[in-house]
Amino acid sequence: CRLVAGNIDLRISFALPAVFGASTPPTPTHVLYVLDSEPELFALAAVHLYGLNSYYEDGSREVPLKRTAVVGIGHHPDSFSCSKDGWPVDALRRLRWRDYQSLTSDLLGVLCDVVVPLSEERLGVKDLHMSCRAILGSSLSGLFSHRVLFERPGLFGKMILGSPSLHLSTRMFDLEASGEYDSEENLRHLAVIYMVAELEDLADGTVDHCGRQAGNGIPEACRA
């Protein structure tokens, strides 16, 4: 579906859990929100879960993945002139920088106050606990996910962050210092997973995720 709120123009995509042999999809017990889902990340995440579904046995610890719905949240293709022939890279880049890098963009409120309730109503999910709600962000949307973590604690219990561009907004850690995300109740149900390539940020002349020359941008404390 299309959702327009102020200058935010989004396409929201849904993939229900697939249980083979069932006449209708089951009501999801978990929801994975995929940021920056256009034009392809939503499909990749949904197909990955679908492809693994038949391997999970009832009673195994992976069973929640069999009941996970995927919600894609991306800039609507019309907003960056996307067509079957491709899209202008600069147009999509400008939208991503505006909404994911800025600490004052309206996307935070739209995501937390509009997209999440709307999506879970459509999925038939009620009173979902934070531990059953995950968010996936990569690069700039991984940076934005930190803002969600610090400014809206208690909403998402699983944060999956691929190569988050922390060096592009070092003020993000001011939010950490002033936020309440580290409350005992929040931390009890919170898991943050960082993904970074082995040689990422190690090339000559690069700046790591924390703004230092060379070295790796993900704090060692996050690697345990």
C-alpha atoms as a PDB file:
ATOM      1  CA  CYS A   1       0.000   0.000   0.000  1.00  0.00           C
ATOM      2  CA  ARG A   2       1.012   3.620  -0.384  1.00  0.00           C
ATOM      3  CA  LEU A   3       1.346   5.876   2.653  1.00  0.00           C
ATOM      4  CA  VAL A   4       1.888   9.635   2.362  1.00  0.00           C
ATOM      5  CA  ALA A   5       2.535  11.711   5.484  1.00  0.00           C
ATOM      6  CA  GLY A   6       3.812  15.231   4.864  1.00  0.00           C
ATOM      7  CA  ASN A   7       6.915  14.918   2.701  1.00  0.00           C
ATOM      8  CA  ILE A   8       7.246  11.195   3.429  1.00  0.00           C
ATOM      9  CA  ASP A   9       5.971   9.022   0.560  1.00  0.00           C
ATOM     10  CA  LEU A  10       6.289   5.306   1.294  1.00  0.00           C
ATOM     11  CA  ARG A  11       5.397   1.956  -0.162  1.00  0.00           C
ATOM     12  CA  ILE A  12       4.485  -0.554   2.553  1.00  0.00           C
ATOM     13  CA  SER A  13       4.770  -4.190   1.448  1.00  0.00           C
ATOM     14  CA  PHE A  14       3.560  -7.293   3.286  1.00  0.00           C
ATOM     15  CA  ALA A  15       4.588 -10.948   3.174  1.00  0.00           C
ATOM     16  CA  LEU A  16       2.604 -13.311   5.389  1.00  0.00           C
ATOM     17  CA  PRO A  17       4.112 -16.423   6.956  1.00  0.00           C
ATOM     18  CA  ALA A  18       4.019 -19.391   4.600  1.00  0.00           C
ATOM     19  CA  VAL A  19       3.145 -22.742   6.154  1.00  0.00           C
ATOM     20  CA  PHE A  20       3.110 -25.518   3.595  1.00  0.00           C
ATOM     21  CA  GLY A  21      -0.042 -27.598   3.578  1.00  0.00           C
ATOM     22  CA  ALA A  22      -2.140 -24.932   5.330  1.00  0.00           C
ATOM     23  CA  SER A  23      -5.196 -23.618   3.505  1.00  0.00           C
ATOM     24  CA  THR A  24      -4.709 -20.106   4.898  1.00  0.00           C
ATOM     25  CA  PRO A  25      -1.619 -18.368   6.300  1.00  0.00           C
ATOM     26  CA  PRO A  26      -1.467 -18.380  10.110  1.00  0.00           C
ATOM     27  CA  THR A  27      -1.677 -15.168  12.100  1.00  0.00           C
ATOM     28  CA  PRO A  28       1.891 -13.927  12.578  1.00  0.00           C
ATOM     29  CA  THR A  29       3.439 -14.092  16.037  1.00  0.00           C
ATOM     30  CA  HIS A  30       6.504 -12.081  15.005  1.00  0.00           C
ATOM     31  CA  VAL A  31       7.056  -9.217  12.558  1.00  0.00           C
ATOM     32  CA  LEU A  32      10.264  -8.216  10.769  1.00  0.00           C
ATOM     33  CA  TYR A  33      10.297  -4.626   9.486  1.00  0.00           C
ATOM     34  CA  VAL A  34      12.693  -4.135   6.568  1.00  0.00           C
ATOM     35  CA  LEU A  35      13.807  -0.539   6.038  1.00  0.00           C
ATOM     36  CA  ASP A  36      14.891   0.841   2.676  1.00  0.00           C
ATOM     37  CA  SER A  37      12.985  -2.017   1.093  1.00  0.00           C
ATOM     38  CA  GLU A  38      12.664  -0.532  -2.401  1.00  0.00           C
ATOM     39  CA  PRO A  39      13.458  -1.655  -4.966  1.00  0.00           C
ATOM     40  CA  GLU A  40      14.648  -5.123  -3.862  1.00  0.00           C
ATOM     41  CA  LEU A  41      15.489  -5.655  -0.179  1.00  0.00           C
ATOM     42  CA  PHE A  42      11.913  -6.520   0.863  1.00  0.00           C
ATOM     43  CA  ALA A  43      11.702  -9.268  -1.749  1.00  0.00           C
ATOM     44  CA  LEU A  44      15.083 -10.692  -0.727  1.00  0.00           C
ATOM     45  CA  ALA A  45      14.147 -10.842   2.961  1.00  0.00           C
ATOM     46  CA  ALA A  46      10.727 -12.367   2.291  1.00  0.00           C
ATOM     47  CA  VAL A  47      12.042 -14.975  -0.148  1.00  0.00           C
ATOM     48  CA  HIS A  48      14.835 -15.921   2.280  1.00  0.00           C
ATOM     49  CA  LEU A  49      12.342 -16.628   5.074  1.00  0.00           C
ATOM     50  CA  TYR A  50      10.016 -18.443   2.675  1.00  0.00           C
ATOM     51  CA  GLY A  51      12.816 -20.626   1.361  1.00  0.00           C
ATOM     52  CA  LEU A  52      13.897 -21.727   4.838  1.00  0.00           C
ATOM     53  CA  ASN A  53      10.392 -22.323   6.114  1.00  0.00           C
ATOM     54  CA  SER A  54      10.156 -26.009   5.306  1.00  0.00           C
ATOM     55  CA  TYR A  55      13.425 -26.750   7.115  1.00  0.00           C
ATOM     56  CA  TYR A  56      12.144 -25.647  10.525  1.00  0.00           C
ATOM     57  CA  GLU A  57      10.624 -28.445  12.542  1.00  0.00           C
ATOM     58  CA  ASP A  58       7.834 -27.944  15.043  1.00  0.00           C
ATOM     59  CA  GLY A  59       9.302 -27.756  18.518  1.00  0.00           C
ATOM     60  CA  SER A  60      12.645 -26.348  17.349  1.00  0.00           C
ATOM     61  CA  ARG A  61      13.940 -22.974  18.456  1.00  0.00           C
ATOM     62  CA  GLU A  62      13.496 -21.686  14.893  1.00  0.00           C
ATOM     63  CA  VAL A  63       9.699 -22.132  14.995  1.00  0.00           C
ATOM     64  CA  PRO A  64       9.066 -18.380  15.508  1.00  0.00           C
ATOM     65  CA  LEU A  65      10.553 -17.803  12.054  1.00  0.00           C
ATOM     66  CA  LYS A  66       7.737 -19.934  10.612  1.00  0.00           C
ATOM     67  CA  ARG A  67       5.263 -17.413  12.025  1.00  0.00           C
ATOM     68  CA  THR A  68       7.144 -14.258  11.041  1.00  0.00           C
ATOM     69  CA  ALA A  69       5.578 -11.717   8.701  1.00  0.00           C
ATOM     70  CA  VAL A  70       7.817  -9.355   6.727  1.00  0.00           C
ATOM     71  CA  VAL A  71       6.892  -5.691   6.291  1.00  0.00           C
ATOM     72  CA  GLY A  72       8.848  -3.646   3.776  1.00  0.00           C
ATOM     73  CA  ILE A  73       9.138   0.115   4.328  1.00  0.00           C
ATOM     74  CA  GLY A  74      10.668   1.992   1.425  1.00  0.00           C
ATOM     75  CA  HIS A  75      10.361   5.183  -0.526  1.00  0.00           C
ATOM     76  CA  HIS A  76       7.570   4.789  -3.020  1.00  0.00           C
ATOM     77  CA  PRO A  77       8.944   4.096  -6.526  1.00  0.00           C
ATOM     78  CA  ASP A  78       7.099   7.115  -7.927  1.00  0.00           C
ATOM     79  CA  SER A  79       8.983   9.390  -5.507  1.00  0.00           C
ATOM     80  CA  PHE A  80      12.306   8.614  -7.227  1.00  0.00           C
ATOM     81  CA  SER A  81      10.969   7.916 -10.740  1.00  0.00           C
ATOM     82  CA  CYS A  82      11.534   4.179 -10.577  1.00  0.00           C
ATOM     83  CA  SER A  83      10.252   2.147 -13.529  1.00  0.00           C
ATOM     84  CA  LYS A  84      10.771  -1.267 -15.102  1.00  0.00           C
ATOM     85  CA  ASP A  85      13.765   0.216 -16.895  1.00  0.00           C
ATOM     86  CA  GLY A  86      15.531   1.349 -13.716  1.00  0.00           C
ATOM     87  CA  TRP A  87      15.745   4.496 -11.614  1.00  0.00           C
ATOM     88  CA  PRO A  88      17.940   7.597 -11.239  1.00  0.00           C
ATOM     89  CA  VAL A  89      20.436   6.813  -8.504  1.00  0.00           C
ATOM     90  CA  ASP A  90      20.782  10.426  -7.368  1.00  0.00           C
ATOM     91  CA  ALA A  91      17.031  10.806  -6.810  1.00  0.00           C
ATOM     92  CA  LEU A  92      16.874   7.809  -4.469  1.00  0.00           C
ATOM     93  CA  ARG A  93      20.118   8.824  -2.776  1.00  0.00           C
ATOM     94  CA  ARG A  94      18.714  12.267  -1.934  1.00  0.00           C
ATOM     95  CA  LEU A  95      15.635  10.737  -0.300  1.00  0.00           C
ATOM     96  CA  ARG A  96      17.716   8.285   1.694  1.00  0.00           C
ATOM     97  CA  TRP A  97      20.023  11.023   2.982  1.00  0.00           C
ATOM     98  CA  ARG A  98      17.100  13.269   3.875  1.00  0.00           C
ATOM     99  CA  ASP A  99      15.163  10.638   5.813  1.00  0.00           C
ATOM    100  CA  TYR A 100      17.802   8.295   7.223  1.00  0.00           C
ATOM    101  CA  GLN A 101      20.750  10.522   8.087  1.00  0.00           C
ATOM    102  CA  SER A 102      19.038  13.517   9.664  1.00  0.00           C
ATOM    103  CA  LEU A 103      18.316  13.365  13.394  1.00  0.00           C
ATOM    104  CA  THR A 104      15.191  15.475  12.856  1.00  0.00           C
ATOM    105  CA  SER A 105      13.569  13.763   9.862  1.00  0.00           C
ATOM    106  CA  ASP A 106       9.857  13.014  10.106  1.00  0.00           C
ATOM    107  CA  LEU A 107      10.410   9.362   9.218  1.00  0.00           C
ATOM    108  CA  LEU A 108      10.899   8.361  12.864  1.00  0.00           C
ATOM    109  CA  GLY A 109       7.388   9.442  13.860  1.00  0.00           C
ATOM    110  CA  VAL A 110       5.836   8.049  10.674  1.00  0.00           C
ATOM    111  CA  LEU A 111       7.467   4.669  11.228  1.00  0.00           C
ATOM    112  CA  CYS A 112       6.714   4.321  14.937  1.00  0.00           C
ATOM    113  CA  ASP A 113       3.339   6.044  15.172  1.00  0.00           C
ATOM    114  CA  VAL A 114       1.777   5.216  11.818  1.00  0.00           C
ATOM    115  CA  VAL A 115       3.474   2.369   9.959  1.00  0.00           C
ATOM    116  CA  VAL A 116       3.820  -0.080  12.850  1.00  0.00           C
ATOM    117  CA  PRO A 117       0.207   0.216  14.109  1.00  0.00           C
ATOM    118  CA  LEU A 118      -1.174   0.187  10.557  1.00  0.00           C
ATOM    119  CA  SER A 119       0.879  -2.840   9.560  1.00  0.00           C
ATOM    120  CA  GLU A 120       0.004  -4.903  12.595  1.00  0.00           C
ATOM    121  CA  GLU A 121      -3.670  -4.068  12.247  1.00  0.00           C
ATOM    122  CA  ARG A 122      -3.557  -5.331   8.660  1.00  0.00           C
ATOM    123  CA  LEU A 123      -1.709  -8.449   9.751  1.00  0.00           C
ATOM    124  CA  GLY A 124      -4.264  -9.147  12.482  1.00  0.00           C
ATOM    125  CA  VAL A 125      -1.626  -8.839  15.200  1.00  0.00           C
ATOM    126  CA  LYS A 126      -2.620  -7.407  18.577  1.00  0.00           C
ATOM    127  CA  ASP A 127      -0.515  -6.277  21.527  1.00  0.00           C
ATOM    128  CA  LEU A 128       2.757  -7.510  20.064  1.00  0.00           C
ATOM    129  CA  HIS A 129       5.575  -7.489  22.623  1.00  0.00           C
ATOM    130  CA  MET A 130       8.823  -5.742  21.680  1.00  0.00           C
ATOM    131  CA  SER A 131      10.665  -9.069  21.785  1.00  0.00           C
ATOM    132  CA  CYS A 132       8.524 -10.247  18.837  1.00  0.00           C
ATOM    133  CA  ARG A 133       9.185  -7.171  16.700  1.00  0.00           C
ATOM    134  CA  ALA A 134      12.432  -6.772  14.701  1.00  0.00           C
ATOM    135  CA  ILE A 135      13.861  -4.113  12.422  1.00  0.00           C
ATOM    136  CA  LEU A 136      16.424  -4.600   9.653  1.00  0.00           C
ATOM    137  CA  GLY A 137      18.497  -1.670   8.435  1.00  0.00           C
ATOM    138  CA  SER A 138      21.588  -1.492   6.231  1.00  0.00           C
ATOM    139  CA  SER A 139      24.038   1.352   5.699  1.00  0.00           C
ATOM    140  CA  LEU A 140      22.043   4.606   6.081  1.00  0.00           C
ATOM    141  CA  SER A 141      18.924   2.790   7.269  1.00  0.00           C
ATOM    142  CA  GLY A 142      21.163   0.970   9.780  1.00  0.00           C
ATOM    143  CA  LEU A 143      22.197   4.398  11.039  1.00  0.00           C
ATOM    144  CA  PHE A 144      18.532   5.411  11.264  1.00  0.00           C
ATOM    145  CA  SER A 145      17.765   2.236  13.225  1.00  0.00           C
ATOM    146  CA  HIS A 146      20.030   3.530  16.005  1.00  0.00           C
ATOM    147  CA  ARG A 147      17.790   6.575  16.240  1.00  0.00           C
ATOM    148  CA  VAL A 148      14.804   4.260  16.650  1.00  0.00           C
ATOM    149  CA  LEU A 149      16.715   2.381  19.353  1.00  0.00           C
ATOM    150  CA  PHE A 150      17.625   5.512  21.319  1.00  0.00           C
ATOM    151  CA  GLU A 151      14.491   7.622  20.831  1.00  0.00           C
ATOM    152  CA  ARG A 152      11.789   4.945  20.818  1.00  0.00           C
ATOM    153  CA  PRO A 153      13.014   2.297  23.268  1.00  0.00           C
ATOM    154  CA  GLY A 154      10.642  -0.573  23.886  1.00  0.00           C
ATOM    155  CA  LEU A 155       9.213  -0.708  20.374  1.00  0.00           C
ATOM    156  CA  PHE A 156      11.661  -3.068  18.669  1.00  0.00           C
ATOM    157  CA  GLY A 157      13.326  -5.870  20.577  1.00  0.00           C
ATOM    158  CA  LYS A 158      15.535  -7.124  17.749  1.00  0.00           C
ATOM    159  CA  MET A 159      17.797  -4.742  15.808  1.00  0.00           C
ATOM    160  CA  ILE A 160      19.612  -6.201  12.777  1.00  0.00           C
ATOM    161  CA  LEU A 161      22.125  -3.625  11.557  1.00  0.00           C
ATOM    162  CA  GLY A 162      24.236  -4.186   8.459  1.00  0.00           C
ATOM    163  CA  SER A 163      27.243  -1.884   8.108  1.00  0.00           C
ATOM    164  CA  PRO A 164      25.465   1.068   9.784  1.00  0.00           C
ATOM    165  CA  SER A 165      26.888   4.393   8.595  1.00  0.00           C
ATOM    166  CA  LEU A 166      27.642   5.712  12.073  1.00  0.00           C
ATOM    167  CA  HIS A 167      30.489   7.899  10.829  1.00  0.00           C
ATOM    168  CA  LEU A 168      27.981  10.021   8.891  1.00  0.00           C
ATOM    169  CA  SER A 169      26.203  11.174  12.043  1.00  0.00           C
ATOM    170  CA  THR A 170      28.427  11.106  15.105  1.00  0.00           C
ATOM    171  CA  ARG A 171      25.754  13.109  16.952  1.00  0.00           C
ATOM    172  CA  MET A 172      23.755   9.884  17.040  1.00  0.00           C
ATOM    173  CA  PHE A 173      25.605   9.027  20.228  1.00  0.00           C
ATOM    174  CA  ASP A 174      24.307  12.204  21.883  1.00  0.00           C
ATOM    175  CA  LEU A 175      20.919  10.477  21.702  1.00  0.00           C
ATOM    176  CA  GLU A 176      22.398   7.484  23.478  1.00  0.00           C
ATOM    177  CA  ALA A 177      23.599   9.669  26.354  1.00  0.00           C
ATOM    178  CA  SER A 178      20.259  11.419  26.792  1.00  0.00           C
ATOM    179  CA  GLY A 179      17.912   8.498  26.106  1.00  0.00           C
ATOM    180  CA  GLU A 180      16.262   5.898  28.272  1.00  0.00           C
ATOM    181  CA  TYR A 181      16.929   2.903  26.067  1.00  0.00           C
ATOM    182  CA  ASP A 182      19.208   1.337  28.676  1.00  0.00           C
ATOM    183  CA  SER A 183      16.449   0.823  31.251  1.00  0.00           C
ATOM    184  CA  GLU A 184      16.476  -2.606  32.862  1.00  0.00           C
ATOM    185  CA  GLU A 185      13.122  -3.542  31.324  1.00  0.00           C
ATOM    186  CA  ASN A 186      14.194  -2.550  27.812  1.00  0.00           C
ATOM    187  CA  LEU A 187      17.571  -4.270  27.941  1.00  0.00           C
ATOM    188  CA  ARG A 188      15.994  -7.483  29.199  1.00  0.00           C
ATOM    189  CA  HIS A 189      14.228  -7.935  25.856  1.00  0.00           C
ATOM    190  CA  LEU A 190      16.701  -6.174  23.530  1.00  0.00           C
ATOM    191  CA  ALA A 191      19.151  -7.827  21.133  1.00  0.00           C
ATOM    192  CA  VAL A 192      21.292  -5.803  18.717  1.00  0.00           C
ATOM    193  CA  ILE A 193      23.111  -7.630  15.926  1.00  0.00           C
ATOM    194  CA  TYR A 194      25.820  -5.833  13.946  1.00  0.00           C
ATOM    195  CA  MET A 195      27.002  -7.190  10.615  1.00  0.00           C
ATOM    196  CA  VAL A 196      30.225  -5.859   9.121  1.00  0.00           C
ATOM    197  CA  ALA A 197      32.572  -7.273   6.498  1.00  0.00           C
ATOM    198  CA  GLU A 198      35.985  -8.433   7.687  1.00  0.00           C
ATOM    199  CA  LEU A 199      37.923  -5.825   5.719  1.00  0.00           C
ATOM    200  CA  GLU A 200      35.353  -3.050   5.888  1.00  0.00           C
ATOM    201  CA  ASP A 201      36.862   0.397   6.531  1.00  0.00           C
ATOM    202  CA  LEU A 202      40.405  -0.922   6.482  1.00  0.00           C
ATOM    203  CA  ALA A 203      41.461   0.459   3.099  1.00  0.00           C
ATOM    204  CA  ASP A 204      43.849   3.414   2.913  1.00  0.00           C
ATOM    205  CA  GLY A 205      42.112   6.762   3.270  1.00  0.00           C
ATOM    206  CA  THR A 206      38.875   5.391   4.666  1.00  0.00           C
ATOM    207  CA  VAL A 207      37.186   6.554   7.838  1.00  0.00           C
ATOM    208  CA  ASP A 208      35.654   3.987  10.131  1.00  0.00           C
ATOM    209  CA  HIS A 209      32.123   3.996  11.529  1.00  0.00           C
ATOM    210  CA  CYS A 210      33.169   5.963  14.607  1.00  0.00           C
ATOM    211  CA  GLY A 211      35.016   8.670  12.698  1.00  0.00           C
ATOM    212  CA  ARG A 212      38.584   7.466  13.266  1.00  0.00           C
ATOM    213  CA  GLN A 213      41.085   6.895  10.490  1.00  0.00           C
ATOM    214  CA  ALA A 214      41.328   3.198   9.632  1.00  0.00           C
ATOM    215  CA  GLY A 215      40.358   0.492  12.104  1.00  0.00           C
ATOM    216  CA  ASN A 216      36.942  -1.119  12.389  1.00  0.00           C
ATOM    217  CA  GLY A 217      33.859   0.973  13.112  1.00  0.00           C
ATOM    218  CA  ILE A 218      31.951  -1.475  15.289  1.00  0.00           C
ATOM    219  CA  PRO A 219      32.990  -1.237  18.970  1.00  0.00           C
ATOM    220  CA  GLU A 220      34.676  -4.391  20.226  1.00  0.00           C
ATOM    221  CA  ALA A 221      32.138  -4.576  23.054  1.00  0.00           C
ATOM    222  CA  CYS A 222      29.440  -5.256  20.448  1.00  0.00           C
ATOM    223  CA  ARG A 223      31.258  -8.274  19.062  1.00  0.00           C
ATOM    224  CA  ALA A 224      30.692 -10.637  21.993  1.00  0.00           C
END
